[in-house]
Protein backbone atom coordinates (compact mmCIF):
# COMPACT_ATOMS: atom_id res chain seq x y z
CA MET A 1 101.88 95.28 86.06
CA ARG A 2 104.84 97.63 86.84
CA ASN A 3 104.06 97.67 90.63
CA ILE A 4 104.11 93.67 90.82
CA LEU A 5 107.48 93.88 88.43
CA ALA A 6 108.88 96.35 90.80
CA SER A 7 107.96 94.41 93.87
CA ALA A 8 109.34 91.20 92.45
CA LEU A 9 112.72 92.91 91.67
CA LEU A 10 112.85 94.70 94.86
CA LEU A 11 112.31 91.31 96.65
CA CYS A 12 114.61 89.49 94.66
CA ALA A 13 117.33 92.19 95.47
CA ALA A 14 116.51 92.02 99.10
CA LEU A 15 117.08 88.20 98.93
CA CYS A 16 120.28 88.71 97.21
CA ALA A 17 121.73 91.38 99.35
CA ASP A 18 124.21 89.22 100.73
CA THR A 19 125.20 85.30 100.96
CA ALA A 20 122.75 83.99 103.59
CA ALA A 21 121.52 80.77 104.54
CA ALA A 22 117.67 81.24 104.55
CA LEU A 23 115.19 78.36 105.90
CA ASP A 24 112.43 77.59 103.70
CA SER A 25 109.01 76.94 105.40
CA SER A 26 110.24 73.25 106.47
CA GLY A 27 113.40 74.33 108.16
CA THR A 28 115.48 73.28 105.24
CA PRO A 29 118.51 75.54 104.47
CA VAL A 30 118.46 77.47 101.53
CA VAL A 31 121.65 79.35 100.15
CA VAL A 32 121.41 82.49 98.35
CA THR A 33 124.49 83.73 96.63
CA PRO A 34 124.73 87.11 94.82
CA LEU A 35 125.44 87.24 91.20
CA ALA A 36 125.45 91.00 90.39
CA ASP A 37 124.68 94.52 92.00
CA ARG A 38 124.97 96.98 89.27
CA THR A 39 123.36 100.54 88.28
CA GLU A 40 124.90 100.71 84.99
CA THR A 41 125.17 98.96 81.82
CA ALA A 42 128.50 97.56 80.47
CA SER A 43 129.28 100.93 78.71
CA GLY A 44 128.35 103.04 81.83
CA GLN A 45 125.12 104.10 80.96
CA PRO A 46 122.32 104.34 83.83
CA ILE A 47 120.18 101.21 83.46
CA THR A 48 116.34 102.61 82.20
CA LEU A 49 113.16 100.67 82.19
CA PRO A 50 110.50 100.55 79.57
CA GLN A 51 108.08 103.20 80.43
CA LYS A 52 104.82 101.19 79.59
CA ASN A 53 103.48 97.46 79.49
CA VAL A 54 106.74 95.58 80.38
CA GLU A 55 107.12 92.09 79.33
CA VAL A 56 109.71 89.96 80.54
CA ILE A 57 111.09 87.66 78.18
CA VAL A 58 113.63 84.88 79.21
CA SER A 59 115.84 83.11 76.59
CA THR A 60 119.01 80.63 76.47
CA PHE A 61 121.60 81.22 73.64
CA ASP A 62 124.04 78.68 72.55
CA ILE A 63 126.89 80.31 70.36
CA ALA A 64 129.05 78.03 68.76
CA VAL A 65 132.88 78.30 69.04
CA SER A 66 134.46 81.23 66.97
CA ALA A 67 130.91 82.34 66.07
CA THR A 68 130.43 86.13 65.85
CA LEU A 69 126.95 87.59 66.24
CA PRO A 70 126.07 90.35 63.77
CA VAL A 71 126.52 94.06 64.99
CA HIS A 72 123.24 95.05 66.63
CA LYS A 73 121.70 97.00 69.48
CA HIS A 74 118.88 97.01 72.03
CA PRO A 75 116.30 99.53 72.60
CA PHE A 76 115.21 98.02 75.99
CA PRO A 77 117.34 96.47 78.93
CA ARG A 78 119.13 93.03 78.36
CA TYR A 79 121.00 90.57 81.01
CA ALA A 80 122.58 88.04 80.45
CA TYR A 81 124.35 85.29 82.76
CA VAL A 82 127.21 83.17 81.07
CA GLN A 83 126.49 79.64 82.14
CA ALA A 84 129.57 78.39 79.95
CA GLY A 85 132.31 79.65 77.85
CA THR A 86 134.21 82.77 77.04
CA LEU A 87 132.33 85.81 75.22
CA GLN A 88 133.70 88.93 73.96
CA VAL A 89 131.39 91.94 73.53
CA THR A 90 132.76 94.71 71.47
CA ASN A 91 131.34 98.28 71.16
CA VAL A 92 131.59 99.04 67.68
CA GLU A 93 131.10 102.70 68.34
CA THR A 94 133.84 103.18 70.60
CA GLY A 95 136.00 99.91 69.95
CA LYS A 96 136.15 98.84 73.83
CA SER A 97 135.51 95.17 74.36
CA ASN A 98 134.75 93.32 77.64
CA THR A 99 135.55 89.52 78.12
CA TYR A 100 132.97 87.64 79.93
CA LYS A 101 133.55 84.15 81.42
CA THR A 102 131.31 81.41 83.07
CA GLY A 103 129.51 82.80 86.24
CA ASP A 104 129.53 86.33 84.89
CA PHE A 105 126.45 88.46 84.61
CA ILE A 106 126.38 91.17 81.73
CA ILE A 107 124.30 94.35 81.62
CA GLU A 108 124.27 94.98 78.08
CA MET A 109 124.33 98.54 76.53
CA ILE A 110 121.29 100.09 75.28
CA GLY A 111 120.94 101.66 72.00
CA GLN A 112 124.76 101.10 70.94
CA TRP A 113 125.97 99.08 68.01
CA HIS A 114 127.52 95.90 69.33
CA GLN A 115 128.59 92.53 68.47
CA ALA A 116 129.73 89.52 70.41
CA THR A 117 132.30 86.63 69.70
CA ASN A 118 133.06 83.12 71.42
CA ILE A 119 136.72 83.28 72.00
CA GLY A 120 136.74 80.21 74.01
CA ASP A 121 137.40 76.71 73.17
CA GLY A 122 133.97 75.44 74.03
CA PRO A 123 130.39 76.78 73.50
CA VAL A 124 128.72 79.82 75.15
CA LYS A 125 125.76 79.29 77.01
CA LEU A 126 123.65 82.17 77.87
CA LEU A 127 120.57 82.71 79.90
CA VAL A 128 119.25 86.13 78.87
CA ILE A 129 116.45 88.19 80.26
CA ASP A 130 115.02 90.95 78.17
CA GLN A 131 112.64 93.96 79.65
CA VAL A 132 110.85 95.47 76.73
CA GLU A 133 107.41 97.17 76.08
CA GLN A 134 104.96 94.51 75.48
CA GLY A 135 105.15 92.98 71.84
CA ALA A 136 108.38 94.78 70.89
CA LYS A 137 111.74 93.12 69.98
CA ASN A 138 114.74 93.74 71.79
CA THR A 139 117.36 93.24 68.84
CA VAL A 140 117.71 95.70 66.18
CA LEU A 141 120.37 94.47 63.30
CA ARG A 142 122.62 97.02 61.50
CA GLN A 143 121.93 97.17 58.12
């Protein structure tokens, strides 16, 4: 399973390496536009993957105007693509904030307490991808 996931990620990286017009099997153009190329999380940590039985979970999040998510952390990698809106993510341990808007790609911090607030005038829509050890949750709320 790990080899399949690694191969899929490498294929995706190769396809997204540069904006290009590729051709599908019928000769129809396929445009590939890279969205992100990173080796670190939003807080500067190296990206580390689960060590066993990797499960990929894909979700959408709709965050209402002015909503603030509770303080939480992720034990495994979480990636998010901002489909709409403006989101401010604050590391509550350091006080550092990053603002993300439509079209941005987020590689969330791992194991650090943070929270997010919709600071825009419309809802935030996220496409979220988690890589966890099979059966594990990737959000821990601060008590």
